[in-house]
Amino acid sequence: MLEFMKNKILIPLLILGALAAFFSFRYAFADGEKNKNTVILETVMTALNRAHFDPRKIDDSFSVAVFNKTLNNLDYRKNFFTQQDVDALSKYKYQIDDQISSGSVQFFDEMDGIFSKRIDLAESYYKDILKKPFSFTGSDSVQLDGDDLQYAKDEIALKSRWEKYLKYLTLSKYVDLKKAQEPSADKSEDKSSKKDAKPKTDAELEEEARQAVMKGQDYFFKRLRKLDADERFAIFINAITNTEDPHTDFLPPDDKARFDESMSGSFFGIGAQLQEDEGNIKVVAIIPGSPCWKQGELKVNDIIQKVAQGNDQPVDVEGRDLDDVVKMIRGNKGTTVKLTVKKVDGSVRVIPIVRGEVLRDEVFAKSA
């Protein structure tokens, strides 16, 4: 008869996750004339060559994979780079392997310069487009899956893509607002309070929806501005490490801190796994045994609209950075967080949850 052991052993998920101290050491004693990014690149490649059992050959095919991964990870929806930009950068497509060997970061520097300019351009696009009302009477279509999109030919085509994308977001918000003012839309509120409320016109709903999308885009670009050159360089380095091995990642300091927490197997919060979805914060999983699982009201696919600390005023989280929302929801054990959520049926509820310890069994291995 087999007897199951209850001992739990942490799984070593990432090889480079343990090298943060090594990186810090290298930064401190690196040649002062060397660019910091060059030092990171050299250190990562040294770690890959020494730590991997069978390091992949750094050749032209490796270079092409890194090129494509970097652009895709930085601009999956193809809302920033144009085909002209990609054509200009394609001169590096078969040179990244040579640059890696020589410690050059020329490809990244040029790509990052173009991307920074495209952020400025896209920001001007959305502010200009959302000033004017949309008409929803015509026939139009939009592709949201980046895998099925080609890069916009030029800046004119790129602006057209932004127009369709923002129109889609506004229409989606408009439909939500239209449903919300119907008597049966919000089951959690007193319907009698809506009897005398005058329904908003389609034009008023369109304007409200457009302003909501504007607010969401303001938050999105604010987050995008927070993604500084160091973090974009980390995206490039991860394109290299993931091409070498999909389970190997380079972790900047903030990501390393989150990794350490995940490896500890526990934290204080409510136990809901969240995901950013078109500017919304959606619940994608409830951890069994967690505070929100015990409370029972929060469900998968709920959209978190507002977060309040105890009896404080709720804060609108639409369009906010996922990490910022997670920080707002987590807190000290025994404290209460109140979530205003929109249910799948369109109803809106305020759910109070007392924070507690959340155990994540998936980061453990069990032996028998």
Protein backbone atom coordinates (compact mmCIF):
# COMPACT_ATOMS: atom_id res chain seq x y z
CA MET A 1 0.00 0.00 0.00
CA LEU A 2 1.37 3.40 -1.07
CA GLU A 3 1.44 6.18 1.51
CA PHE A 4 1.26 9.70 0.05
CA MET A 5 3.78 12.17 1.41
CA LYS A 6 2.52 15.63 2.29
CA ASN A 7 5.86 17.37 1.81
CA LYS A 8 5.79 20.16 -0.76
CA ILE A 9 8.85 21.03 -2.83
CA LEU A 10 9.08 24.30 -4.77
CA ILE A 11 9.53 23.83 -8.50
CA PRO A 12 12.47 25.77 -9.99
CA LEU A 13 10.52 27.44 -12.80
CA LEU A 14 13.08 29.81 -14.28
CA ILE A 15 16.81 29.37 -14.67
CA LEU A 16 17.53 33.09 -14.87
CA GLY A 17 15.25 33.88 -11.96
CA ALA A 18 18.05 32.91 -9.58
CA LEU A 19 20.61 35.16 -11.24
CA ALA A 20 19.38 38.59 -10.07
CA ALA A 21 22.20 38.90 -7.53
CA PHE A 22 24.69 37.87 -10.21
CA PHE A 23 23.35 40.57 -12.56
CA SER A 24 23.59 43.18 -9.80
CA PHE A 25 27.20 42.13 -9.16
CA ARG A 26 28.04 42.48 -12.82
CA TYR A 27 26.46 45.95 -13.01
CA ALA A 28 28.48 47.11 -10.02
CA PHE A 29 31.82 45.97 -11.42
CA ALA A 30 31.24 46.34 -15.15
CA ASP A 31 33.57 48.42 -17.29
CA GLY A 32 32.36 52.00 -16.91
CA GLU A 33 32.74 52.57 -20.66
CA LYS A 34 30.31 49.78 -21.50
CA ASN A 35 26.66 50.49 -22.10
CA LYS A 36 24.45 48.99 -19.38
CA ASN A 37 22.39 47.15 -22.00
CA THR A 38 25.57 45.64 -23.45
CA VAL A 39 26.51 44.35 -20.00
CA ILE A 40 23.04 42.80 -19.56
CA LEU A 41 23.23 41.17 -23.00
CA GLU A 42 26.69 39.72 -22.35
CA THR A 43 25.70 38.48 -18.90
CA VAL A 44 22.52 36.81 -20.16
CA MET A 45 24.35 35.09 -23.02
CA THR A 46 27.03 33.86 -20.59
CA ALA A 47 24.30 32.47 -18.34
CA LEU A 48 22.57 30.76 -21.27
CA ASN A 49 25.78 29.17 -22.52
CA ARG A 50 26.78 27.94 -19.07
CA ALA A 51 23.41 26.94 -17.61
CA HIS A 52 21.75 25.20 -20.54
CA PHE A 53 22.51 21.56 -21.20
CA ASP A 54 22.52 22.01 -24.97
CA PRO A 55 22.61 25.73 -25.91
CA ARG A 56 20.99 26.56 -29.22
CA LYS A 57 23.27 27.69 -32.03
CA ILE A 58 23.23 31.48 -32.46
CA ASP A 59 22.82 31.76 -36.22
CA ASP A 60 20.61 33.44 -38.83
CA SER A 61 17.53 31.35 -37.98
CA PHE A 62 17.97 32.35 -34.33
CA SER A 63 18.29 35.97 -35.45
CA VAL A 64 15.03 35.85 -37.45
CA ALA A 65 13.17 34.31 -34.51
CA VAL A 66 14.40 37.02 -32.12
CA PHE A 67 13.49 39.74 -34.65
CA ASN A 68 9.92 38.47 -35.04
CA LYS A 69 9.40 37.80 -31.32
CA THR A 70 10.59 41.27 -30.35
CA LEU A 71 8.24 43.08 -32.73
CA ASN A 72 5.34 40.78 -31.88
CA ASN A 73 5.79 41.13 -28.11
CA LEU A 74 6.10 44.89 -28.33
CA ASP A 75 3.22 45.46 -30.78
CA TYR A 76 1.01 42.37 -30.96
CA ARG A 77 -2.06 44.19 -32.31
CA LYS A 78 0.07 46.02 -34.87
CA ASN A 79 -1.25 49.40 -33.75
CA PHE A 80 2.14 51.15 -33.68
CA PHE A 81 4.68 49.90 -36.23
CA THR A 82 3.91 50.37 -39.92
CA GLN A 83 5.12 48.11 -42.71
CA GLN A 84 7.54 50.89 -43.62
CA ASP A 85 9.02 50.68 -40.11
CA VAL A 86 9.35 46.90 -40.32
CA ASP A 87 10.98 47.18 -43.75
CA ALA A 88 13.50 49.68 -42.36
CA LEU A 89 14.32 47.37 -39.45
CA SER A 90 14.53 44.27 -41.64
CA LYS A 91 18.17 45.06 -42.42
CA TYR A 92 18.88 43.63 -38.94
CA LYS A 93 16.83 40.46 -39.47
CA TYR A 94 19.91 38.33 -40.15
CA GLN A 95 22.36 40.44 -38.15
CA ILE A 96 21.05 40.07 -34.57
CA ASP A 97 23.09 36.89 -34.07
CA ASP A 98 26.25 38.75 -35.07
CA GLN A 99 25.33 41.66 -32.79
CA ILE A 100 24.75 39.26 -29.90
CA SER A 101 28.22 37.81 -30.42
CA SER A 102 29.83 41.27 -30.49
CA GLY A 103 27.75 42.68 -27.63
CA SER A 104 26.03 45.22 -29.88
CA VAL A 105 22.49 46.45 -29.20
CA GLN A 106 22.16 48.45 -32.41
CA PHE A 107 18.96 46.69 -33.53
CA PHE A 108 17.24 47.42 -30.22
CA ASP A 109 18.37 51.06 -30.16
CA GLU A 110 16.99 51.78 -33.63
CA MET A 111 13.77 49.83 -33.04
CA ASP A 112 13.21 51.55 -29.70
CA GLY A 113 13.66 54.96 -31.29
CA ILE A 114 11.01 54.17 -33.91
CA PHE A 115 8.63 52.73 -31.32
CA SER A 116 8.92 55.83 -29.12
CA LYS A 117 7.96 58.04 -32.07
CA ARG A 118 5.02 55.76 -32.90
CA ILE A 119 3.70 56.08 -29.33
CA ASP A 120 3.62 59.86 -29.79
CA LEU A 121 1.86 59.48 -33.15
CA ALA A 122 -0.74 56.99 -31.88
CA GLU A 123 -1.47 59.23 -28.89
CA SER A 124 -2.26 62.11 -31.26
CA TYR A 125 -4.48 59.75 -33.30
CA TYR A 126 -6.77 58.65 -30.50
CA LYS A 127 -7.15 62.15 -29.05
CA ASP A 128 -8.13 63.52 -32.46
CA ILE A 129 -10.41 60.62 -33.43
CA LEU A 130 -12.37 60.57 -30.16
CA LYS A 131 -13.21 64.29 -30.39
CA LYS A 132 -15.85 63.57 -33.04
CA PRO A 133 -19.05 61.44 -32.74
CA PHE A 134 -19.15 58.02 -34.39
CA SER A 135 -21.99 56.86 -36.63
CA PHE A 136 -23.07 53.26 -36.12
CA THR A 137 -25.48 53.09 -39.07
CA GLY A 138 -23.03 51.91 -41.72
CA SER A 139 -21.37 48.56 -42.36
CA ASP A 140 -17.85 48.15 -41.03
CA SER A 141 -15.51 45.48 -39.67
CA VAL A 142 -12.44 45.27 -37.47
CA GLN A 143 -9.84 42.54 -36.90
CA LEU A 144 -8.73 42.26 -33.27
CA ASP A 145 -6.45 39.21 -33.49
CA GLY A 146 -2.89 40.34 -34.10
CA ASP A 147 -1.97 36.96 -35.59
CA ASP A 148 -4.40 37.63 -38.46
CA LEU A 149 -3.30 41.22 -39.07
CA GLN A 150 -0.71 42.61 -41.43
CA TYR A 151 1.16 45.79 -40.54
CA ALA A 152 -0.50 48.98 -41.79
CA LYS A 153 1.09 50.10 -45.04
CA ASP A 154 1.85 53.65 -43.88
CA GLU A 155 0.75 56.31 -41.41
CA ILE A 156 -2.53 56.95 -43.28
CA ALA A 157 -3.45 53.26 -43.03
CA LEU A 158 -2.32 53.20 -39.40
CA LYS A 159 -4.68 56.06 -38.50
CA SER A 160 -7.51 54.25 -40.28
CA ARG A 161 -6.78 51.17 -38.17
CA TRP A 162 -6.98 53.27 -35.00
CA GLU A 163 -10.32 54.75 -36.16
CA LYS A 164 -11.86 51.31 -36.59
CA TYR A 165 -10.44 50.04 -33.31
CA LEU A 166 -11.70 53.04 -31.31
CA LYS A 167 -15.07 52.87 -33.05
CA TYR A 168 -15.37 49.23 -31.99
CA LEU A 169 -14.50 50.09 -28.37
CA THR A 170 -17.03 52.94 -28.35
CA LEU A 171 -19.77 50.77 -29.84
CA SER A 172 -19.12 48.06 -27.27
CA LYS A 173 -19.34 50.62 -24.45
CA TYR A 174 -22.45 52.16 -26.03
CA VAL A 175 -24.21 48.79 -26.02
CA ASP A 176 -23.35 48.33 -22.32
CA LEU A 177 -24.72 51.77 -21.46
CA LYS A 178 -27.86 51.11 -23.51
CA LYS A 179 -28.51 47.89 -21.62
CA ALA A 180 -27.70 49.51 -18.27
CA GLN A 181 -30.52 52.04 -18.57
CA GLU A 182 -33.12 49.38 -19.32
CA PRO A 183 -35.34 48.66 -16.26
CA SER A 184 -34.28 45.02 -16.00
CA ALA A 185 -30.57 45.60 -16.61
CA ASP A 186 -29.48 46.19 -13.01
CA LYS A 187 -31.08 43.68 -10.69
CA SER A 188 -29.07 44.74 -7.65
CA GLU A 189 -30.53 48.25 -7.47
CA ASP A 190 -33.96 49.46 -6.47
CA LYS A 191 -35.90 49.65 -9.74
CA SER A 192 -38.27 52.24 -8.29
CA SER A 193 -35.41 54.76 -8.27
CA LYS A 194 -35.24 54.45 -12.07
CA LYS A 195 -38.93 54.87 -12.78
CA ASP A 196 -38.71 58.65 -13.03
CA ALA A 197 -35.27 58.70 -14.66
CA LYS A 198 -35.38 60.01 -18.21
CA PRO A 199 -33.60 57.62 -20.61
CA LYS A 200 -30.60 59.13 -22.37
CA THR A 201 -30.76 59.67 -26.10
CA ASP A 202 -28.60 57.67 -28.50
CA ALA A 203 -26.45 60.75 -29.05
CA GLU A 204 -25.95 61.18 -25.29
CA LEU A 205 -25.07 57.50 -24.90
CA GLU A 206 -22.61 57.69 -27.80
CA GLU A 207 -20.90 60.70 -26.25
CA GLU A 208 -20.72 59.02 -22.82
CA ALA A 209 -19.31 55.87 -24.41
CA ARG A 210 -16.75 57.88 -26.38
CA GLN A 211 -15.63 59.75 -23.28
CA ALA A 212 -15.28 56.44 -21.41
CA VAL A 213 -13.08 55.10 -24.22
CA MET A 214 -11.06 58.33 -24.14
CA LYS A 215 -10.50 57.83 -20.42
CA GLY A 216 -9.46 54.22 -21.00
CA GLN A 217 -6.99 55.25 -23.70
CA ASP A 218 -5.59 57.96 -21.42
CA TYR A 219 -4.83 55.27 -18.84
CA PHE A 220 -3.45 52.92 -21.50
CA PHE A 221 -0.99 55.48 -22.84
CA LYS A 222 -0.08 56.51 -19.32
CA ARG A 223 0.89 52.87 -18.68
CA LEU A 224 2.68 52.77 -22.02
CA ARG A 225 4.72 55.80 -20.99
CA LYS A 226 5.67 53.94 -17.80
CA LEU A 227 7.18 51.21 -19.99
CA ASP A 228 10.58 52.88 -20.16
CA ALA A 229 13.60 51.95 -22.29
CA ASP A 230 14.87 49.51 -19.65
CA GLU A 231 11.60 47.58 -19.64
CA ARG A 232 11.45 47.55 -23.44
CA PHE A 233 15.01 46.25 -23.45
CA ALA A 234 13.85 43.47 -21.10
CA ILE A 235 11.27 42.54 -23.78
CA PHE A 236 14.10 42.27 -26.32
CA ILE A 237 16.23 40.17 -23.95
CA ASN A 238 13.28 37.88 -23.28
CA ALA A 239 12.85 37.41 -27.02
CA ILE A 240 16.42 36.06 -26.95
CA THR A 241 15.97 33.84 -23.88
CA ASN A 242 12.60 32.51 -25.08
CA THR A 243 14.08 31.68 -28.48
CA GLU A 244 16.83 29.75 -26.69
CA ASP A 245 14.27 28.05 -24.45
CA PRO A 246 10.57 29.01 -23.94
CA HIS A 247 10.93 28.32 -20.19
CA THR A 248 13.83 30.71 -19.63
CA ASP A 249 13.20 34.37 -18.80
CA PHE A 250 15.19 37.44 -17.88
CA LEU A 251 13.67 39.16 -14.84
CA PRO A 252 14.10 42.89 -14.18
CA PRO A 253 13.90 43.88 -10.47
CA ASP A 254 10.10 44.36 -10.25
CA ASP A 255 9.41 41.12 -12.10
CA LYS A 256 11.96 39.33 -9.90
CA ALA A 257 10.06 40.50 -6.79
CA ARG A 258 6.80 39.14 -8.21
CA PHE A 259 8.54 35.89 -9.12
CA ASP A 260 9.83 35.49 -5.55
CA GLU A 261 6.30 35.98 -4.26
CA SER A 262 4.91 33.40 -6.66
CA MET A 263 7.56 30.90 -5.61
CA SER A 264 6.71 31.39 -1.94
CA GLY A 265 3.32 29.88 -2.69
CA SER A 266 1.28 32.35 -0.61
CA PHE A 267 0.26 35.99 -0.30
CA PHE A 268 -2.43 38.09 1.38
CA GLY A 269 -5.34 39.06 -0.83
CA ILE A 270 -8.67 37.69 -2.05
CA GLY A 271 -7.55 34.82 -4.32
CA ALA A 272 -8.92 35.95 -7.69
CA GLN A 273 -6.74 35.64 -10.77
CA LEU A 274 -7.24 38.68 -13.00
CA GLN A 275 -6.57 39.49 -16.62
CA GLU A 276 -6.65 42.69 -18.64
CA ASP A 277 -9.18 42.47 -21.46
CA GLU A 278 -9.80 45.43 -23.78
CA GLY A 279 -9.17 47.91 -20.98
CA ASN A 280 -11.27 45.92 -18.50
CA ILE A 281 -10.07 43.90 -15.52
CA LYS A 282 -11.66 40.47 -15.79
CA VAL A 283 -11.74 37.61 -13.28
CA VAL A 284 -10.35 34.53 -15.05
CA ALA A 285 -10.05 32.11 -12.11
CA ILE A 286 -10.97 31.73 -8.45
CA ILE A 287 -8.39 29.95 -6.28
CA PRO A 288 -10.09 27.18 -4.26
CA GLY A 289 -10.08 27.84 -0.53
CA SER A 290 -9.29 31.54 -0.97
CA PRO A 291 -11.25 34.39 0.70
CA CYS A 292 -13.29 35.17 -2.43
CA TRP A 293 -13.99 31.46 -2.97
CA LYS A 294 -15.37 31.25 0.60
CA GLN A 295 -17.34 34.49 0.18
CA GLY A 296 -18.91 33.03 -2.94
CA GLU A 297 -20.20 36.05 -4.88
CA LEU A 298 -17.25 36.79 -7.17
CA LYS A 299 -17.32 34.62 -10.29
CA VAL A 300 -15.19 33.92 -13.34
CA ASN A 301 -15.82 36.45 -16.17
CA ASP A 302 -16.93 39.17 -13.74
CA ILE A 303 -15.58 42.60 -14.74
CA ILE A 304 -14.13 44.63 -11.87
CA GLN A 305 -15.18 48.26 -12.33
CA LYS A 306 -14.28 49.85 -8.99
CA VAL A 307 -12.21 49.03 -5.91
CA ALA A 308 -12.79 50.49 -2.44
CA GLN A 309 -10.71 50.09 0.71
CA GLY A 310 -13.22 49.33 3.49
CA ASN A 311 -15.70 52.23 3.67
CA ASP A 312 -13.59 54.59 1.55
CA GLN A 313 -14.83 55.97 -1.75
CA PRO A 314 -14.51 53.43 -4.59
CA VAL A 315 -11.90 54.08 -7.27
CA ASP A 316 -12.74 53.48 -10.95
CA VAL A 317 -10.23 50.97 -12.37
CA GLU A 318 -11.35 50.88 -15.99
CA GLY A 319 -8.28 51.24 -18.22
CA ARG A 320 -5.86 51.03 -15.32
CA ASP A 321 -2.74 48.91 -15.33
CA LEU A 322 -3.38 45.33 -14.16
CA ASP A 323 -0.50 45.46 -11.68
CA ASP A 324 -1.91 48.65 -10.15
CA VAL A 325 -5.34 47.04 -9.71
CA VAL A 326 -3.79 43.95 -8.12
CA LYS A 327 -1.93 46.18 -5.64
CA MET A 328 -5.21 47.92 -4.77
CA ILE A 329 -6.99 44.62 -4.15
CA ARG A 330 -4.25 43.01 -2.08
CA GLY A 331 -3.65 44.15 1.47
CA ASN A 332 -3.26 43.19 5.10
CA LYS A 333 -4.93 40.09 6.46
CA GLY A 334 -8.33 40.82 8.02
CA THR A 335 -8.97 44.07 6.12
CA THR A 336 -11.92 44.46 3.76
CA VAL A 337 -11.88 45.36 0.08
CA LYS A 338 -15.13 46.15 -1.76
CA LEU A 339 -15.32 45.34 -5.45
CA THR A 340 -17.91 46.84 -7.77
CA VAL A 341 -18.31 44.23 -10.49
CA LYS A 342 -20.37 43.83 -13.63
CA LYS A 343 -21.81 40.35 -13.99
CA VAL A 344 -22.18 38.43 -17.23
CA ASP A 345 -25.93 39.21 -17.22
CA GLY A 346 -25.18 42.94 -17.08
CA SER A 347 -26.06 43.44 -13.42
CA VAL A 348 -23.76 45.46 -11.18
CA ARG A 349 -22.99 44.41 -7.61
CA VAL A 350 -20.79 45.57 -4.76
CA ILE A 351 -18.98 42.58 -3.23
CA PRO A 352 -17.17 42.97 0.13
CA ILE A 353 -14.35 40.49 0.72
CA VAL A 354 -12.17 40.13 3.82
CA ARG A 355 -8.57 39.61 2.78
CA GLY A 356 -6.73 36.52 3.98
CA GLU A 357 -3.84 34.23 3.15
CA VAL A 358 -4.01 32.72 -0.32
CA LEU A 359 -2.17 29.46 -0.97
CA ARG A 360 -1.23 28.63 -4.54
CA ASP A 361 -0.76 24.87 -4.71
CA GLU A 362 0.11 24.97 -8.42
CA VAL A 363 3.61 26.26 -7.61
CA PHE A 364 4.35 23.19 -5.54
CA ALA A 365 5.29 19.65 -6.52
CA LYS A 366 3.91 16.81 -4.42
CA SER A 367 5.87 13.61 -3.98
CA ALA A 368 4.50 10.14 -3.30
